[in-house]
Amino acid sequence: MIDISSDISTTKTVKVLVVEDEYILAINLQESLESLGYTVVDIADTAEAAIEKATVLRPTLILICS
C-alpha cells in the first residue's frame, strides 16, 4: 500500500500553479492541494494566462488538468 500523506515541512516550499478551465474543478483541486500542505499561488484558465502567471509567480510546479 502506498502512503500518499505529505510531509508539511517539505510541501510548504512547493508553490503550485493550477491550470484548469472549469472553475469549480480548479477550486476543488486548490482546496485538495492546500489540505495536503501545498501552496497554490494562482489558478489560470488558459494556456496564455498560465504562461503569463508562471513568468511572474515562478511556481515550483505547474499542474495542467484536462
PDB file of N, CA and C in Angstrom:
ATOM      1  N   MET A   1       0.835  -1.183   0.000  1.00  0.00           N
ATOM      2  CA  MET A   1       0.000   0.000   0.000  1.00  0.00           C
ATOM      3  C   MET A   1       0.877   1.242   0.000  1.00  0.00           C
ATOM      4  N   ILE A   2       0.497   2.238  -0.774  1.00  0.00           N
ATOM      5  CA  ILE A   2       1.265   3.471  -0.895  1.00  0.00           C
ATOM      6  C   ILE A   2       0.677   4.530   0.019  1.00  0.00           C
ATOM      7  N   ASP A   3       1.535   5.187   0.786  1.00  0.00           N
ATOM      8  CA  ASP A   3       1.105   6.265   1.676  1.00  0.00           C
ATOM      9  C   ASP A   3       1.202   7.581   0.912  1.00  0.00           C
ATOM     10  N   ILE A   4       0.061   8.239   0.677  1.00  0.00           N
ATOM     11  CA  ILE A   4       0.076   9.495  -0.071  1.00  0.00           C
ATOM     12  C   ILE A   4       0.077  10.720   0.833  1.00  0.00           C
ATOM     13  N   SER A   5       0.204  10.512   2.121  1.00  0.00           N
ATOM     14  CA  SER A   5       0.266  11.668   3.016  1.00  0.00           C
ATOM     15  C   SER A   5       1.534  12.451   2.720  1.00  0.00           C
ATOM     16  N   SER A   6       1.492  13.730   2.991  1.00  0.00           N
ATOM     17  CA  SER A   6       2.624  14.578   2.672  1.00  0.00           C
ATOM     18  C   SER A   6       3.276  15.107   3.939  1.00  0.00           C
ATOM     19  N   ASP A   7       4.543  15.393   3.821  1.00  0.00           N
ATOM     20  CA  ASP A   7       5.291  15.987   4.921  1.00  0.00           C
ATOM     21  C   ASP A   7       5.109  17.493   4.835  1.00  0.00           C
ATOM     22  N   ILE A   8       4.419  18.080   5.807  1.00  0.00           N
ATOM     23  CA  ILE A   8       4.079  19.501   5.786  1.00  0.00           C
ATOM     24  C   ILE A   8       5.331  20.375   5.653  1.00  0.00           C
ATOM     25  N   SER A   9       6.419  20.006   6.264  1.00  0.00           N
ATOM     26  CA  SER A   9       7.609  20.846   6.221  1.00  0.00           C
ATOM     27  C   SER A   9       8.181  20.952   4.814  1.00  0.00           C
ATOM     28  N   THR A  10       8.051  19.917   4.001  1.00  0.00           N
ATOM     29  CA  THR A  10       8.585  19.992   2.643  1.00  0.00           C
ATOM     30  C   THR A  10       7.573  20.538   1.653  1.00  0.00           C
ATOM     31  N   THR A  11       6.289  20.303   1.864  1.00  0.00           N
ATOM     32  CA  THR A  11       5.295  20.767   0.907  1.00  0.00           C
ATOM     33  C   THR A  11       5.048  22.260   0.995  1.00  0.00           C
ATOM     34  N   LYS A  12       5.339  22.884   2.113  1.00  0.00           N
ATOM     35  CA  LYS A  12       5.144  24.327   2.241  1.00  0.00           C
ATOM     36  C   LYS A  12       6.033  25.084   1.270  1.00  0.00           C
ATOM     37  N   THR A  13       7.135  24.519   0.867  1.00  0.00           N
ATOM     38  CA  THR A  13       8.035  25.190  -0.061  1.00  0.00           C
ATOM     39  C   THR A  13       7.639  24.958  -1.517  1.00  0.00           C
ATOM     40  N   VAL A  14       6.688  24.061  -1.764  1.00  0.00           N
ATOM     41  CA  VAL A  14       6.250  23.771  -3.127  1.00  0.00           C
ATOM     42  C   VAL A  14       5.115  24.716  -3.503  1.00  0.00           C
ATOM     43  N   LYS A  15       5.382  25.569  -4.500  1.00  0.00           N
ATOM     44  CA  LYS A  15       4.380  26.520  -4.981  1.00  0.00           C
ATOM     45  C   LYS A  15       3.790  25.967  -6.274  1.00  0.00           C
ATOM     46  N   VAL A  16       2.459  25.843  -6.311  1.00  0.00           N
ATOM     47  CA  VAL A  16       1.785  25.209  -7.436  1.00  0.00           C
ATOM     48  C   VAL A  16       0.917  26.229  -8.173  1.00  0.00           C
ATOM     49  N   LEU A  17       1.031  26.220  -9.501  1.00  0.00           N
ATOM     50  CA  LEU A  17       0.122  26.974 -10.351  1.00  0.00           C
ATOM     51  C   LEU A  17      -0.811  25.968 -10.991  1.00  0.00           C
ATOM     52  N   VAL A  18      -2.109  26.120 -10.764  1.00  0.00           N
ATOM     53  CA  VAL A  18      -3.112  25.203 -11.305  1.00  0.00           C
ATOM     54  C   VAL A  18      -3.658  25.785 -12.605  1.00  0.00           C
ATOM     55  N   VAL A  19      -3.687  24.956 -13.656  1.00  0.00           N
ATOM     56  CA  VAL A  19      -4.251  25.363 -14.942  1.00  0.00           C
ATOM     57  C   VAL A  19      -5.452  24.469 -15.223  1.00  0.00           C
ATOM     58  N   GLU A  20      -6.632  25.065 -15.132  1.00  0.00           N
ATOM     59  CA  GLU A  20      -7.897  24.332 -15.324  1.00  0.00           C
ATOM     60  C   GLU A  20      -8.953  25.333 -15.759  1.00  0.00           C
ATOM     61  N   ASP A  21      -9.673  25.030 -16.840  1.00  0.00           N
ATOM     62  CA  ASP A  21     -10.652  25.990 -17.350  1.00  0.00           C
ATOM     63  C   ASP A  21     -12.028  25.878 -16.702  1.00  0.00           C
ATOM     64  N   GLU A  22     -12.260  24.832 -15.936  1.00  0.00           N
ATOM     65  CA  GLU A  22     -13.525  24.720 -15.213  1.00  0.00           C
ATOM     66  C   GLU A  22     -13.303  25.185 -13.775  1.00  0.00           C
ATOM     67  N   TYR A  23     -13.947  26.314 -13.439  1.00  0.00           N
ATOM     68  CA  TYR A  23     -13.704  26.996 -12.168  1.00  0.00           C
ATOM     69  C   TYR A  23     -13.920  26.091 -10.954  1.00  0.00           C
ATOM     70  N   ILE A  24     -15.012  25.355 -10.934  1.00  0.00           N
ATOM     71  CA  ILE A  24     -15.324  24.518  -9.774  1.00  0.00           C
ATOM     72  C   ILE A  24     -14.269  23.438  -9.579  1.00  0.00           C
ATOM     73  N   LEU A  25     -13.815  22.840 -10.673  1.00  0.00           N
ATOM     74  CA  LEU A  25     -12.759  21.825 -10.570  1.00  0.00           C
ATOM     75  C   LEU A  25     -11.450  22.443 -10.083  1.00  0.00           C
ATOM     76  N   ALA A  26     -11.153  23.642 -10.565  1.00  0.00           N
ATOM     77  CA  ALA A  26      -9.920  24.317 -10.159  1.00  0.00           C
ATOM     78  C   ALA A  26      -9.928  24.625  -8.665  1.00  0.00           C
ATOM     79  N   ILE A  27     -11.056  25.111  -8.165  1.00  0.00           N
ATOM     80  CA  ILE A  27     -11.171  25.420  -6.736  1.00  0.00           C
ATOM     81  C   ILE A  27     -11.080  24.148  -5.907  1.00  0.00           C
ATOM     82  N   ASN A  28     -11.721  23.091  -6.373  1.00  0.00           N
ATOM     83  CA  ASN A  28     -11.665  21.811  -5.671  1.00  0.00           C
ATOM     84  C   ASN A  28     -10.229  21.298  -5.610  1.00  0.00           C
ATOM     85  N   LEU A  29      -9.514  21.407  -6.706  1.00  0.00           N
ATOM     86  CA  LEU A  29      -8.120  20.968  -6.736  1.00  0.00           C
ATOM     87  C   LEU A  29      -7.266  21.830  -5.814  1.00  0.00           C
ATOM     88  N   GLN A  30      -7.511  23.132  -5.815  1.00  0.00           N
ATOM     89  CA  GLN A  30      -6.780  24.033  -4.926  1.00  0.00           C
ATOM     90  C   GLN A  30      -6.990  23.638  -3.469  1.00  0.00           C
ATOM     91  N   GLU A  31      -8.238  23.389  -3.091  1.00  0.00           N
ATOM     92  CA  GLU A  31      -8.538  23.002  -1.711  1.00  0.00           C
ATOM     93  C   GLU A  31      -7.866  21.688  -1.345  1.00  0.00           C
ATOM     94  N   SER A  32      -7.874  20.746  -2.270  1.00  0.00           N
ATOM     95  CA  SER A  32      -7.233  19.452  -2.013  1.00  0.00           C
ATOM     96  C   SER A  32      -5.724  19.614  -1.820  1.00  0.00           C
ATOM     97  N   LEU A  33      -5.105  20.379  -2.694  1.00  0.00           N
ATOM     98  CA  LEU A  33      -3.660  20.594  -2.583  1.00  0.00           C
ATOM     99  C   LEU A  33      -3.307  21.321  -1.292  1.00  0.00           C
ATOM    100  N   GLU A  34      -4.075  22.338  -0.955  1.00  0.00           N
ATOM    101  CA  GLU A  34      -3.800  23.092   0.266  1.00  0.00           C
ATOM    102  C   GLU A  34      -4.026  22.248   1.514  1.00  0.00           C
ATOM    103  N   SER A  35      -4.989  21.329   1.469  1.00  0.00           N
ATOM    104  CA  SER A  35      -5.205  20.447   2.618  1.00  0.00           C
ATOM    105  C   SER A  35      -4.034  19.487   2.810  1.00  0.00           C
ATOM    106  N   LEU A  36      -3.294  19.244   1.735  1.00  0.00           N
ATOM    107  CA  LEU A  36      -2.094  18.411   1.824  1.00  0.00           C
ATOM    108  C   LEU A  36      -0.852  19.218   2.191  1.00  0.00           C
ATOM    109  N   GLY A  37      -1.013  20.538   2.299  1.00  0.00           N
ATOM    110  CA  GLY A  37       0.090  21.384   2.734  1.00  0.00           C
ATOM    111  C   GLY A  37       0.804  22.131   1.631  1.00  0.00           C
ATOM    112  N   TYR A  38       0.340  22.010   0.387  1.00  0.00           N
ATOM    113  CA  TYR A  38       0.967  22.730  -0.719  1.00  0.00           C
ATOM    114  C   TYR A  38       0.438  24.156  -0.773  1.00  0.00           C
ATOM    115  N   THR A  39       1.195  25.046  -1.394  1.00  0.00           N
ATOM    116  CA  THR A  39       0.780  26.422  -1.580  1.00  0.00           C
ATOM    117  C   THR A  39       0.366  26.615  -3.034  1.00  0.00           C
ATOM    118  N   VAL A  40      -0.897  26.923  -3.269  1.00  0.00           N
ATOM    119  CA  VAL A  40      -1.378  27.202  -4.619  1.00  0.00           C
ATOM    120  C   VAL A  40      -1.255  28.708  -4.831  1.00  0.00           C
ATOM    121  N   VAL A  41      -0.360  29.106  -5.738  1.00  0.00           N
ATOM    122  CA  VAL A  41      -0.086  30.526  -5.935  1.00  0.00           C
ATOM    123  C   VAL A  41      -1.139  31.214  -6.787  1.00  0.00           C
ATOM    124  N   ASP A  42      -1.791  30.456  -7.683  1.00  0.00           N
ATOM    125  CA  ASP A  42      -2.839  31.039  -8.523  1.00  0.00           C
ATOM    126  C   ASP A  42      -3.483  29.946  -9.361  1.00  0.00           C
ATOM    127  N   ILE A  43      -4.561  30.329 -10.040  1.00  0.00           N
ATOM    128  CA  ILE A  43      -5.253  29.440 -10.964  1.00  0.00           C
ATOM    129  C   ILE A  43      -5.349  30.166 -12.300  1.00  0.00           C
ATOM    130  N   ALA A  44      -4.995  29.469 -13.367  1.00  0.00           N
ATOM    131  CA  ALA A  44      -5.124  30.022 -14.712  1.00  0.00           C
ATOM    132  C   ALA A  44      -6.135  29.185 -15.482  1.00  0.00           C
ATOM    133  N   ASP A  45      -6.899  29.851 -16.365  1.00  0.00           N
ATOM    134  CA  ASP A  45      -7.908  29.104 -17.108  1.00  0.00           C
ATOM    135  C   ASP A  45      -7.578  28.927 -18.590  1.00  0.00           C
ATOM    136  N   THR A  46      -6.449  29.479 -19.030  1.00  0.00           N
ATOM    137  CA  THR A  46      -5.982  29.280 -20.405  1.00  0.00           C
ATOM    138  C   THR A  46      -4.472  29.082 -20.403  1.00  0.00           C
ATOM    139  N   ALA A  47      -3.966  28.554 -21.500  1.00  0.00           N
ATOM    140  CA  ALA A  47      -2.515  28.368 -21.622  1.00  0.00           C
ATOM    141  C   ALA A  47      -1.793  29.707 -21.616  1.00  0.00           C
ATOM    142  N   GLU A  48      -2.386  30.687 -22.280  1.00  0.00           N
ATOM    143  CA  GLU A  48      -1.770  32.015 -22.337  1.00  0.00           C
ATOM    144  C   GLU A  48      -1.678  32.639 -20.944  1.00  0.00           C
ATOM    145  N   ALA A  49      -2.761  32.524 -20.190  1.00  0.00           N
ATOM    146  CA  ALA A  49      -2.758  33.057 -18.822  1.00  0.00           C
ATOM    147  C   ALA A  49      -1.754  32.313 -17.953  1.00  0.00           C
ATOM    148  N   ALA A  50      -1.641  31.009 -18.164  1.00  0.00           N
ATOM    149  CA  ALA A  50      -0.690  30.208 -17.388  1.00  0.00           C
ATOM    150  C   ALA A  50       0.744  30.653 -17.652  1.00  0.00           C
ATOM    151  N   ILE A  51       1.067  30.928 -18.903  1.00  0.00           N
ATOM    152  CA  ILE A  51       2.424  31.373 -19.248  1.00  0.00           C
ATOM    153  C   ILE A  51       2.716  32.720 -18.595  1.00  0.00           C
ATOM    154  N   GLU A  52       1.764  33.640 -18.669  1.00  0.00           N
ATOM    155  CA  GLU A  52       1.953  34.958 -18.052  1.00  0.00           C
ATOM    156  C   GLU A  52       2.138  34.837 -16.544  1.00  0.00           C
ATOM    157  N   LYS A  53       1.268  34.054 -15.892  1.00  0.00           N
ATOM    158  CA  LYS A  53       1.344  33.906 -14.435  1.00  0.00           C
ATOM    159  C   LYS A  53       2.610  33.177 -14.008  1.00  0.00           C
ATOM    160  N   ALA A  54       3.017  32.171 -14.781  1.00  0.00           N
ATOM    161  CA  ALA A  54       4.229  31.423 -14.443  1.00  0.00           C
ATOM    162  C   ALA A  54       5.467  32.306 -14.543  1.00  0.00           C
ATOM    163  N   THR A  55       5.464  33.204 -15.508  1.00  0.00           N
ATOM    164  CA  THR A  55       6.595  34.119 -15.679  1.00  0.00           C
ATOM    165  C   THR A  55       6.742  35.034 -14.470  1.00  0.00           C
ATOM    166  N   VAL A  56       5.621  35.486 -13.942  1.00  0.00           N
ATOM    167  CA  VAL A  56       5.640  36.413 -12.805  1.00  0.00           C
ATOM    168  C   VAL A  56       5.815  35.670 -11.483  1.00  0.00           C
ATOM    169  N   LEU A  57       5.051  34.594 -11.284  1.00  0.00           N
ATOM    170  CA  LEU A  57       4.994  33.925  -9.981  1.00  0.00           C
ATOM    171  C   LEU A  57       6.101  32.898  -9.758  1.00  0.00           C
ATOM    172  N   ARG A  58       6.669  32.377 -10.831  1.00  0.00           N
ATOM    173  CA  ARG A  58       7.772  31.394 -10.757  1.00  0.00           C
ATOM    174  C   ARG A  58       7.418  30.212  -9.838  1.00  0.00           C
ATOM    175  N   PRO A  59       6.336  29.476 -10.150  1.00  0.00           N
ATOM    176  CA  PRO A  59       5.951  28.344  -9.304  1.00  0.00           C
ATOM    177  C   PRO A  59       6.939  27.192  -9.411  1.00  0.00           C
ATOM    178  N   THR A  60       6.944  26.348  -8.395  1.00  0.00           N
ATOM    179  CA  THR A  60       7.767  25.148  -8.402  1.00  0.00           C
ATOM    180  C   THR A  60       7.188  24.112  -9.353  1.00  0.00           C
ATOM    181  N   LEU A  61       5.852  24.090  -9.427  1.00  0.00           N
ATOM    182  CA  LEU A  61       5.133  23.078 -10.207  1.00  0.00           C
ATOM    183  C   LEU A  61       3.945  23.726 -10.906  1.00  0.00           C
ATOM    184  N   ILE A  62       3.731  23.362 -12.177  1.00  0.00           N
ATOM    185  CA  ILE A  62       2.543  23.794 -12.896  1.00  0.00           C
ATOM    186  C   ILE A  62       1.723  22.543 -13.162  1.00  0.00           C
ATOM    187  N   LEU A  63       0.509  22.518 -12.604  1.00  0.00           N
ATOM    188  CA  LEU A  63      -0.372  21.364 -12.739  1.00  0.00           C
ATOM    189  C   LEU A  63      -1.426  21.692 -13.780  1.00  0.00           C
ATOM    190  N   ILE A  64      -1.350  21.019 -14.931  1.00  0.00           N
ATOM    191  CA  ILE A  64      -2.279  21.248 -16.032  1.00  0.00           C
ATOM    192  C   ILE A  64      -3.270  20.100 -16.074  1.00  0.00           C
ATOM    193  N   CYS A  65      -4.543  20.436 -15.950  1.00  0.00           N
ATOM    194  CA  CYS A  65      -5.609  19.429 -15.952  1.00  0.00           C
ATOM    195  C   CYS A  65      -6.315  19.473 -17.301  1.00  0.00           C
ATOM    196  N   SER A  66      -6.841  18.340 -17.675  1.00  0.00           N
ATOM    197  CA  SER A  66      -7.599  18.317 -18.934  1.00  0.00           C
ATOM    198  C   SER A  66      -8.852  17.499 -18.803  1.00  0.00           C
TER     199      SER A  66
END
